[in-house]
PDB file of N, CA and C in Angstrom:
ATOM      1  N   MET A   1     -36.230  -5.489  10.287  1.00  0.00           N
ATOM      2  CA  MET A   1     -35.700  -4.571  10.225  1.00  0.00           C
ATOM      3  C   MET A   1     -34.200  -5.283  10.923  1.00  0.00           C
ATOM      4  N   ILE A   2     -33.100  -4.249  10.308  1.00  0.00           N
ATOM      5  CA  ILE A   2     -31.826  -4.520  10.718  1.00  0.00           C
ATOM      6  C   ILE A   2     -31.401  -3.897  11.510  1.00  0.00           C
ATOM      7  N   THR A   3     -30.302  -4.887  12.134  1.00  0.00           N
ATOM      8  CA  THR A   3     -29.614  -4.081  13.661  1.00  0.00           C
ATOM      9  C   THR A   3     -28.978  -4.377  13.526  1.00  0.00           C
ATOM     10  N   GLY A   4     -28.058  -4.429  12.816  1.00  0.00           N
ATOM     11  CA  GLY A   4     -26.764  -4.448  12.135  1.00  0.00           C
ATOM     12  C   GLY A   4     -25.557  -4.575  11.514  1.00  0.00           C
ATOM     13  N   VAL A   5     -24.205  -4.788  11.118  1.00  0.00           N
ATOM     14  CA  VAL A   5     -23.804  -5.027  10.271  1.00  0.00           C
ATOM     15  C   VAL A   5     -22.536  -5.500  10.162  1.00  0.00           C
ATOM     16  N   VAL A   6     -21.903  -5.829  10.401  1.00  0.00           N
ATOM     17  CA  VAL A   6     -20.073  -6.263  10.544  1.00  0.00           C
ATOM     18  C   VAL A   6     -20.057  -6.849   9.408  1.00  0.00           C
ATOM     19  N   ASP A   7     -18.587  -5.716   9.212  1.00  0.00           N
ATOM     20  CA  ASP A   7     -18.326  -6.451   7.987  1.00  0.00           C
ATOM     21  C   ASP A   7     -16.230  -7.103   8.768  1.00  0.00           C
ATOM     22  N   PHE A   8     -16.136  -7.888   8.855  1.00  0.00           N
ATOM     23  CA  PHE A   8     -15.068  -8.264   9.998  1.00  0.00           C
ATOM     24  C   PHE A   8     -13.173  -7.063   9.339  1.00  0.00           C
ATOM     25  N   ASP A   9     -13.570  -7.525   7.855  1.00  0.00           N
ATOM     26  CA  ASP A   9     -12.250  -6.405   7.104  1.00  0.00           C
ATOM     27  C   ASP A   9     -11.845  -5.189   7.815  1.00  0.00           C
ATOM     28  N   ARG A  10     -12.938  -4.788   7.192  1.00  0.00           N
ATOM     29  CA  ARG A  10     -12.837  -3.264   7.264  1.00  0.00           C
ATOM     30  C   ARG A  10     -13.398  -2.983   8.345  1.00  0.00           C
ATOM     31  N   ILE A  11     -13.618  -3.588   9.188  1.00  0.00           N
ATOM     32  CA  ILE A  11     -14.263  -2.151  10.119  1.00  0.00           C
ATOM     33  C   ILE A  11     -13.431  -1.599  11.390  1.00  0.00           C
ATOM     34  N   TRP A  12     -15.178  -0.841  12.000  1.00  0.00           N
ATOM     35  CA  TRP A  12     -13.939   0.062  12.880  1.00  0.00           C
ATOM     36  C   TRP A  12     -15.003   0.082  13.538  1.00  0.00           C
ATOM     37  N   TRP A  13     -14.698   0.452  14.728  1.00  0.00           N
ATOM     38  CA  TRP A  13     -15.348   0.727  16.208  1.00  0.00           C
ATOM     39  C   TRP A  13     -15.473   2.074  16.846  1.00  0.00           C
ATOM     40  N   GLY A  14     -16.116   2.814  16.740  1.00  0.00           N
ATOM     41  CA  GLY A  14     -16.948   3.666  17.186  1.00  0.00           C
ATOM     42  C   GLY A  14     -17.757   5.049  15.922  1.00  0.00           C
ATOM     43  N   ASP A  15     -16.989   5.330  15.526  1.00  0.00           N
ATOM     44  CA  ASP A  15     -17.847   6.502  14.355  1.00  0.00           C
ATOM     45  C   ASP A  15     -18.904   5.838  13.953  1.00  0.00           C
ATOM     46  N   LEU A  16     -20.142   5.631  12.781  1.00  0.00           N
ATOM     47  CA  LEU A  16     -20.282   5.174  11.402  1.00  0.00           C
ATOM     48  C   LEU A  16     -20.071   5.139  10.891  1.00  0.00           C
ATOM     49  N   ALA A  17     -20.163   6.141  10.459  1.00  0.00           N
ATOM     50  CA  ALA A  17     -19.460   7.171   9.467  1.00  0.00           C
ATOM     51  C   ALA A  17     -18.186   6.414   9.137  1.00  0.00           C
ATOM     52  N   ALA A  18     -17.592   6.190   9.514  1.00  0.00           N
ATOM     53  CA  ALA A  18     -16.080   5.467   9.323  1.00  0.00           C
ATOM     54  C   ALA A  18     -15.600   4.185   8.843  1.00  0.00           C
ATOM     55  N   ASP A  19     -16.887   3.465   9.630  1.00  0.00           N
ATOM     56  CA  ASP A  19     -16.732   2.269   8.690  1.00  0.00           C
ATOM     57  C   ASP A  19     -16.747   1.687   6.806  1.00  0.00           C
ATOM     58  N   TRP A  20     -16.241   1.144   6.314  1.00  0.00           N
ATOM     59  CA  TRP A  20     -15.739   0.778   5.484  1.00  0.00           C
ATOM     60  C   TRP A  20     -17.705   0.805   4.377  1.00  0.00           C
ATOM     61  N   THR A  21     -18.337  -0.295   5.601  1.00  0.00           N
ATOM     62  CA  THR A  21     -19.526  -0.764   5.055  1.00  0.00           C
ATOM     63  C   THR A  21     -20.394   0.897   5.350  1.00  0.00           C
ATOM     64  N   SER A  22     -20.509   1.426   5.642  1.00  0.00           N
ATOM     65  CA  SER A  22     -20.964   2.316   6.160  1.00  0.00           C
ATOM     66  C   SER A  22     -20.991   3.450   4.808  1.00  0.00           C
ATOM     67  N   ARG A  23     -19.492   3.346   4.368  1.00  0.00           N
ATOM     68  CA  ARG A  23     -18.935   4.707   2.931  1.00  0.00           C
ATOM     69  C   ARG A  23     -19.404   3.666   1.550  1.00  0.00           C
ATOM     70  N   MET A  24     -19.600   2.244   1.410  1.00  0.00           N
ATOM     71  CA  MET A  24     -20.410   1.463   0.777  1.00  0.00           C
ATOM     72  C   MET A  24     -21.797   2.054   0.799  1.00  0.00           C
ATOM     73  N   ALA A  25     -22.303   1.283   1.888  1.00  0.00           N
ATOM     74  CA  ALA A  25     -23.992   1.633   2.032  1.00  0.00           C
ATOM     75  C   ALA A  25     -24.015   3.044   1.212  1.00  0.00           C
ATOM     76  N   THR A  26     -23.096   4.188   1.327  1.00  0.00           N
ATOM     77  CA  THR A  26     -24.033   5.731   0.925  1.00  0.00           C
ATOM     78  C   THR A  26     -23.437   5.770  -0.807  1.00  0.00           C
ATOM     79  N   ALA A  27     -22.812   4.963  -1.296  1.00  0.00           N
ATOM     80  CA  ALA A  27     -21.888   5.006  -2.389  1.00  0.00           C
ATOM     81  C   ALA A  27     -23.034   5.301  -4.044  1.00  0.00           C
ATOM     82  N   LYS A  28     -24.123   4.492  -3.579  1.00  0.00           N
ATOM     83  CA  LYS A  28     -25.196   4.781  -4.748  1.00  0.00           C
ATOM     84  C   LYS A  28     -26.420   4.961  -4.168  1.00  0.00           C
ATOM     85  N   PRO A  29     -27.387   5.821  -5.195  1.00  0.00           N
ATOM     86  CA  PRO A  29     -28.244   5.479  -4.739  1.00  0.00           C
ATOM     87  C   PRO A  29     -29.603   4.372  -5.221  1.00  0.00           C
ATOM     88  N   ASP A  30     -29.747   3.591  -4.287  1.00  0.00           N
ATOM     89  CA  ASP A  30     -30.335   1.503  -4.569  1.00  0.00           C
ATOM     90  C   ASP A  30     -31.125   1.479  -3.819  1.00  0.00           C
ATOM     91  N   GLU A  31     -31.240   0.225  -3.799  1.00  0.00           N
ATOM     92  CA  GLU A  31     -31.916  -0.780  -2.695  1.00  0.00           C
ATOM     93  C   GLU A  31     -31.137  -0.427  -1.905  1.00  0.00           C
ATOM     94  N   ARG A  32     -30.021  -0.012  -0.891  1.00  0.00           N
ATOM     95  CA  ARG A  32     -29.309   0.418   0.033  1.00  0.00           C
ATOM     96  C   ARG A  32     -29.810   1.801   1.131  1.00  0.00           C
ATOM     97  N   ALA A  33     -30.645   2.305   0.504  1.00  0.00           N
ATOM     98  CA  ALA A  33     -31.877   3.034   0.454  1.00  0.00           C
ATOM     99  C   ALA A  33     -32.142   2.349   2.114  1.00  0.00           C
ATOM    100  N   ALA A  34     -32.519   1.659   1.459  1.00  0.00           N
ATOM    101  CA  ALA A  34     -33.534   0.584   2.615  1.00  0.00           C
ATOM    102  C   ALA A  34     -32.447   0.711   3.802  1.00  0.00           C
ATOM    103  N   PHE A  35     -31.540   0.346   3.769  1.00  0.00           N
ATOM    104  CA  PHE A  35     -30.710   0.291   5.137  1.00  0.00           C
ATOM    105  C   PHE A  35     -30.739   1.306   5.927  1.00  0.00           C
ATOM    106  N   TRP A  36     -30.248   2.872   5.104  1.00  0.00           N
ATOM    107  CA  TRP A  36     -30.819   3.817   5.609  1.00  0.00           C
ATOM    108  C   TRP A  36     -32.763   4.249   6.740  1.00  0.00           C
ATOM    109  N   GLU A  37     -33.323   3.576   6.104  1.00  0.00           N
ATOM    110  CA  GLU A  37     -34.211   4.172   6.265  1.00  0.00           C
ATOM    111  C   GLU A  37     -34.480   3.595   7.450  1.00  0.00           C
ATOM    112  N   SER A  38     -34.802   2.449   7.410  1.00  0.00           N
ATOM    113  CA  SER A  38     -33.882   1.022   8.908  1.00  0.00           C
ATOM    114  C   SER A  38     -32.755   2.128   9.921  1.00  0.00           C
ATOM    115  N   TYR A  39     -32.118   2.072   9.550  1.00  0.00           N
ATOM    116  CA  TYR A  39     -30.817   2.220  10.465  1.00  0.00           C
ATOM    117  C   TYR A  39     -30.920   3.396  10.792  1.00  0.00           C
ATOM    118  N   GLY A  40     -31.563   5.163   9.593  1.00  0.00           N
ATOM    119  CA  GLY A  40     -31.894   6.220  10.622  1.00  0.00           C
ATOM    120  C   GLY A  40     -29.955   6.545   9.710  1.00  0.00           C
ATOM    121  N   ALA A  41     -30.427   8.221   9.525  1.00  0.00           N
ATOM    122  CA  ALA A  41     -29.649   9.097   8.426  1.00  0.00           C
ATOM    123  C   ALA A  41     -28.611   9.066   9.426  1.00  0.00           C
ATOM    124  N   LEU A  42     -27.076   9.149   8.952  1.00  0.00           N
ATOM    125  CA  LEU A  42     -26.015   9.343   9.162  1.00  0.00           C
ATOM    126  C   LEU A  42     -26.169  10.863   9.055  1.00  0.00           C
ATOM    127  N   ASP A  43     -25.492  11.554  10.102  1.00  0.00           N
ATOM    128  CA  ASP A  43     -25.179  12.527  10.956  1.00  0.00           C
ATOM    129  C   ASP A  43     -24.586  13.966   9.529  1.00  0.00           C
ATOM    130  N   ARG A  44     -25.480  15.099   9.333  1.00  0.00           N
ATOM    131  CA  ARG A  44     -24.387  15.983   8.237  1.00  0.00           C
ATOM    132  C   ARG A  44     -24.361  16.790   9.194  1.00  0.00           C
ATOM    133  N   SER A  45     -24.227  17.044  10.015  1.00  0.00           N
ATOM    134  CA  SER A  45     -23.614  18.064  10.819  1.00  0.00           C
ATOM    135  C   SER A  45     -22.731  19.078  10.018  1.00  0.00           C
ATOM    136  N   PRO A  46     -22.166  20.558  10.209  1.00  0.00           N
ATOM    137  CA  PRO A  46     -20.833  20.078   9.768  1.00  0.00           C
ATOM    138  C   PRO A  46     -19.719  19.579   9.744  1.00  0.00           C
ATOM    139  N   ALA A  47     -19.286  19.152  11.254  1.00  0.00           N
ATOM    140  CA  ALA A  47     -18.126  18.668  12.004  1.00  0.00           C
ATOM    141  C   ALA A  47     -17.909  17.222  11.684  1.00  0.00           C
ATOM    142  N   ALA A  48     -19.618  16.676  10.956  1.00  0.00           N
ATOM    143  CA  ALA A  48     -19.586  15.088  10.714  1.00  0.00           C
ATOM    144  C   ALA A  48     -19.084  15.134   9.301  1.00  0.00           C
ATOM    145  N   VAL A  49     -19.580  16.453   8.308  1.00  0.00           N
ATOM    146  CA  VAL A  49     -18.745  16.584   7.340  1.00  0.00           C
ATOM    147  C   VAL A  49     -17.628  16.322   6.973  1.00  0.00           C
ATOM    148  N   TRP A  50     -17.425  16.962   7.888  1.00  0.00           N
ATOM    149  CA  TRP A  50     -15.779  17.236   8.126  1.00  0.00           C
ATOM    150  C   TRP A  50     -15.226  15.933   7.686  1.00  0.00           C
ATOM    151  N   ARG A  51     -15.415  15.255   9.322  1.00  0.00           N
ATOM    152  CA  ARG A  51     -14.949  13.259   9.574  1.00  0.00           C
ATOM    153  C   ARG A  51     -15.188  12.812   8.252  1.00  0.00           C
ATOM    154  N   ALA A  52     -16.272  13.231   7.428  1.00  0.00           N
ATOM    155  CA  ALA A  52     -16.358  12.140   6.229  1.00  0.00           C
ATOM    156  C   ALA A  52     -15.545  11.773   5.602  1.00  0.00           C
ATOM    157  N   CYS A  53     -15.067  13.525   5.784  1.00  0.00           N
ATOM    158  CA  CYS A  53     -13.408  13.764   4.466  1.00  0.00           C
ATOM    159  C   CYS A  53     -12.666  13.094   5.516  1.00  0.00           C
ATOM    160  N   VAL A  54     -13.099  12.813   6.097  1.00  0.00           N
ATOM    161  CA  VAL A  54     -10.752  12.612   6.910  1.00  0.00           C
ATOM    162  C   VAL A  54     -11.442  11.136   6.491  1.00  0.00           C
ATOM    163  N   TYR A  55     -12.257  10.497   6.936  1.00  0.00           N
ATOM    164  CA  TYR A  55     -12.866   8.615   6.704  1.00  0.00           C
ATOM    165  C   TYR A  55     -12.011   8.730   4.978  1.00  0.00           C
ATOM    166  N   GLU A  56     -12.537   9.118   4.014  1.00  0.00           N
ATOM    167  CA  GLU A  56     -13.120   9.408   3.366  1.00  0.00           C
ATOM    168  C   GLU A  56     -11.658   9.275   2.596  1.00  0.00           C
ATOM    169  N   ALA A  57     -10.648   9.852   2.958  1.00  0.00           N
ATOM    170  CA  ALA A  57      -9.408  10.088   2.129  1.00  0.00           C
ATOM    171  C   ALA A  57      -8.858   8.576   3.102  1.00  0.00           C
ATOM    172  N   ARG A  58      -9.048   8.196   3.979  1.00  0.00           N
ATOM    173  CA  ARG A  58      -8.694   7.174   4.779  1.00  0.00           C
ATOM    174  C   ARG A  58      -8.955   6.478   3.826  1.00  0.00           C
ATOM    175  N   HIS A  59      -9.421   6.331   3.226  1.00  0.00           N
ATOM    176  CA  HIS A  59     -10.305   5.258   2.511  1.00  0.00           C
ATOM    177  C   HIS A  59     -10.251   4.385   1.432  1.00  0.00           C
ATOM    178  N   LEU A  60      -9.545   5.805   0.467  1.00  0.00           N
ATOM    179  CA  LEU A  60      -8.995   6.101  -0.655  1.00  0.00           C
ATOM    180  C   LEU A  60      -7.221   5.564  -0.279  1.00  0.00           C
ATOM    181  N   GLY A  61      -6.967   6.016   0.733  1.00  0.00           N
ATOM    182  CA  GLY A  61      -5.457   5.716   1.011  1.00  0.00           C
ATOM    183  C   GLY A  61      -5.150   4.436   0.768  1.00  0.00           C
ATOM    184  N   ALA A  62      -6.192   3.539   1.095  1.00  0.00           N
ATOM    185  CA  ALA A  62      -6.133   1.837   1.641  1.00  0.00           C
ATOM    186  C   ALA A  62      -6.780   1.089   0.130  1.00  0.00           C
ATOM    187  N   ILE A  63      -7.676   1.907  -0.590  1.00  0.00           N
ATOM    188  CA  ILE A  63      -8.021   1.229  -2.117  1.00  0.00           C
ATOM    189  C   ILE A  63      -7.023   1.855  -2.331  1.00  0.00           C
ATOM    190  N   ARG A  64      -5.718   2.746  -2.634  1.00  0.00           N
ATOM    191  CA  ARG A  64      -4.709   2.538  -3.516  1.00  0.00           C
ATOM    192  C   ARG A  64      -3.588   1.761  -3.468  1.00  0.00           C
ATOM    193  N   LEU A  65      -3.889   1.281  -1.452  1.00  0.00           N
ATOM    194  CA  LEU A  65      -2.631   0.400  -1.244  1.00  0.00           C
ATOM    195  C   LEU A  65      -2.838  -0.855  -1.743  1.00  0.00           C
ATOM    196  N   GLU A  66      -4.183  -1.171  -1.934  1.00  0.00           N
ATOM    197  CA  GLU A  66      -4.885  -3.042  -2.406  1.00  0.00           C
ATOM    198  C   GLU A  66      -4.505  -3.008  -3.978  1.00  0.00           C
ATOM    199  N   ARG A  67      -5.010  -1.255  -5.278  1.00  0.00           N
ATOM    200  CA  ARG A  67      -4.818  -1.520  -6.142  1.00  0.00           C
ATOM    201  C   ARG A  67      -2.786  -1.552  -6.493  1.00  0.00           C
ATOM    202  N   HIS A  68      -1.989  -1.171  -5.630  1.00  0.00           N
ATOM    203  CA  HIS A  68      -0.697  -1.173  -6.038  1.00  0.00           C
ATOM    204  C   HIS A  68      -0.066  -3.194  -5.586  1.00  0.00           C
ATOM    205  N   ARG A  69      -1.250  -3.456  -4.547  1.00  0.00           N
ATOM    206  CA  ARG A  69      -0.627  -5.051  -4.925  1.00  0.00           C
ATOM    207  C   ARG A  69      -1.380  -6.193  -5.269  1.00  0.00           C
ATOM    208  N   LEU A  70      -1.920  -5.583  -6.033  1.00  0.00           N
ATOM    209  CA  LEU A  70      -2.951  -6.018  -7.605  1.00  0.00           C
ATOM    210  C   LEU A  70      -1.945  -5.724  -8.828  1.00  0.00           C
ATOM    211  N   ALA A  71      -1.227  -4.619  -8.576  1.00  0.00           N
ATOM    212  CA  ALA A  71      -0.355  -3.901  -9.891  1.00  0.00           C
ATOM    213  C   ALA A  71      -2.042  -2.746 -10.902  1.00  0.00           C
ATOM    214  N   LYS A  72      -1.889  -2.180 -10.170  1.00  0.00           N
ATOM    215  CA  LYS A  72      -3.683  -2.028 -10.909  1.00  0.00           C
ATOM    216  C   LYS A  72      -2.939  -0.304 -11.095  1.00  0.00           C
ATOM    217  N   THR A  73      -1.972   0.167 -12.047  1.00  0.00           N
ATOM    218  CA  THR A  73      -1.191   1.076 -12.445  1.00  0.00           C
ATOM    219  C   THR A  73      -1.560   1.878 -12.596  1.00  0.00           C
ATOM    220  N   ASP A  74      -2.793   1.936 -13.717  1.00  0.00           N
ATOM    221  CA  ASP A  74      -3.322   2.761 -14.378  1.00  0.00           C
ATOM    222  C   ASP A  74      -5.031   3.133 -13.247  1.00  0.00           C
ATOM    223  N   ALA A  75      -5.367   2.860 -12.476  1.00  0.00           N
ATOM    224  CA  ALA A  75      -6.060   2.622 -11.012  1.00  0.00           C
ATOM    225  C   ALA A  75      -5.599   3.493  -9.949  1.00  0.00           C
ATOM    226  N   ILE A  76      -4.370   3.430  -9.794  1.00  0.00           N
ATOM    227  CA  ILE A  76      -3.709   4.199  -9.092  1.00  0.00           C
ATOM    228  C   ILE A  76      -3.517   5.617  -9.314  1.00  0.00           C
ATOM    229  N   ARG A  77      -2.813   5.428 -10.763  1.00  0.00           N
ATOM    230  CA  ARG A  77      -3.098   7.056 -11.360  1.00  0.00           C
ATOM    231  C   ARG A  77      -4.406   7.525 -10.852  1.00  0.00           C
ATOM    232  N   GLU A  78      -5.758   7.069 -11.287  1.00  0.00           N
ATOM    233  CA  GLU A  78      -6.269   7.484 -10.873  1.00  0.00           C
ATOM    234  C   GLU A  78      -7.401   8.609 -10.376  1.00  0.00           C
ATOM    235  N   SER A  79      -6.707   6.951  -8.989  1.00  0.00           N
ATOM    236  CA  SER A  79      -6.729   8.011  -7.002  1.00  0.00           C
ATOM    237  C   SER A  79      -6.783   9.313  -6.652  1.00  0.00           C
ATOM    238  N   TYR A  80      -5.159   9.334  -7.580  1.00  0.00           N
ATOM    239  CA  TYR A  80      -4.427  11.279  -7.159  1.00  0.00           C
ATOM    240  C   TYR A  80      -5.742  12.058  -7.199  1.00  0.00           C
ATOM    241  N   GLY A  81      -6.411  12.360  -8.186  1.00  0.00           N
ATOM    242  CA  GLY A  81      -8.135  13.211  -8.635  1.00  0.00           C
ATOM    243  C   GLY A  81      -8.257  13.423  -7.250  1.00  0.00           C
ATOM    244  N   ALA A  82      -9.266  11.681  -6.922  1.00  0.00           N
ATOM    245  CA  ALA A  82     -10.109  11.680  -6.196  1.00  0.00           C
ATOM    246  C   ALA A  82      -9.111  11.998  -4.901  1.00  0.00           C
ATOM    247  N   MET A  83      -8.448  10.801  -4.854  1.00  0.00           N
ATOM    248  CA  MET A  83      -7.620  12.013  -3.699  1.00  0.00           C
ATOM    249  C   MET A  83      -7.299  13.659  -3.059  1.00  0.00           C
ATOM    250  N   ALA A  84      -6.981  14.447  -4.682  1.00  0.00           N
ATOM    251  CA  ALA A  84      -7.299  15.318  -4.555  1.00  0.00           C
ATOM    252  C   ALA A  84      -8.714  16.292  -3.921  1.00  0.00           C
ATOM    253  N   GLU A  85      -9.438  15.691  -4.887  1.00  0.00           N
ATOM    254  CA  GLU A  85     -10.218  15.934  -4.316  1.00  0.00           C
ATOM    255  C   GLU A  85     -11.193  16.198  -3.136  1.00  0.00           C
ATOM    256  N   VAL A  86     -10.656  15.217  -1.881  1.00  0.00           N
ATOM    257  CA  VAL A  86     -11.106  14.585  -0.538  1.00  0.00           C
ATOM    258  C   VAL A  86     -10.712  15.968  -0.224  1.00  0.00           C
ATOM    259  N   LEU A  87      -9.133  15.891  -0.890  1.00  0.00           N
ATOM    260  CA  LEU A  87      -8.613  16.889   0.918  1.00  0.00           C
ATOM    261  C   LEU A  87      -8.823  19.040   0.350  1.00  0.00           C
ATOM    262  N   ALA A  88      -9.428  19.212  -0.923  1.00  0.00           N
ATOM    263  CA  ALA A  88      -9.606  20.224  -1.278  1.00  0.00           C
ATOM    264  C   ALA A  88     -10.436  20.663  -0.155  1.00  0.00           C
ATOM    265  N   GLY A  89     -11.362  19.077  -0.037  1.00  0.00           N
ATOM    266  CA  GLY A  89     -13.252  20.141   1.187  1.00  0.00           C
ATOM    267  C   GLY A  89     -12.138  19.993   2.867  1.00  0.00           C
ATOM    268  N   LEU A  90     -11.201  19.393   3.098  1.00  0.00           N
ATOM    269  CA  LEU A  90     -10.844  19.304   4.734  1.00  0.00           C
ATOM    270  C   LEU A  90     -10.818  21.098   4.658  1.00  0.00           C
ATOM    271  N   THR A  91     -10.092  21.662   3.998  1.00  0.00           N
ATOM    272  CA  THR A  91      -9.493  23.386   4.075  1.00  0.00           C
ATOM    273  C   THR A  91     -10.398  23.871   4.342  1.00  0.00           C
TER     274      THR A  91
END
């Protein structure tokens, strides 16, 4: 049984959906599904879905800064489309 996941690099205390670890655990339907079977499903209410868009925008912003740091200019350009999609979901 999984009782918790701690990622001290990008952890936030509060809403589980805000954590980078949760984002990555929902990224693909693979063996990570076992985590959600043990932990329980994320809230998918309209308010929770809206907050998830805000958190995704924050994560994409952090990713963009990391790409700047690593001088990955092509990847930086790609991030603008992803951010536009997320921001469209906030309206």
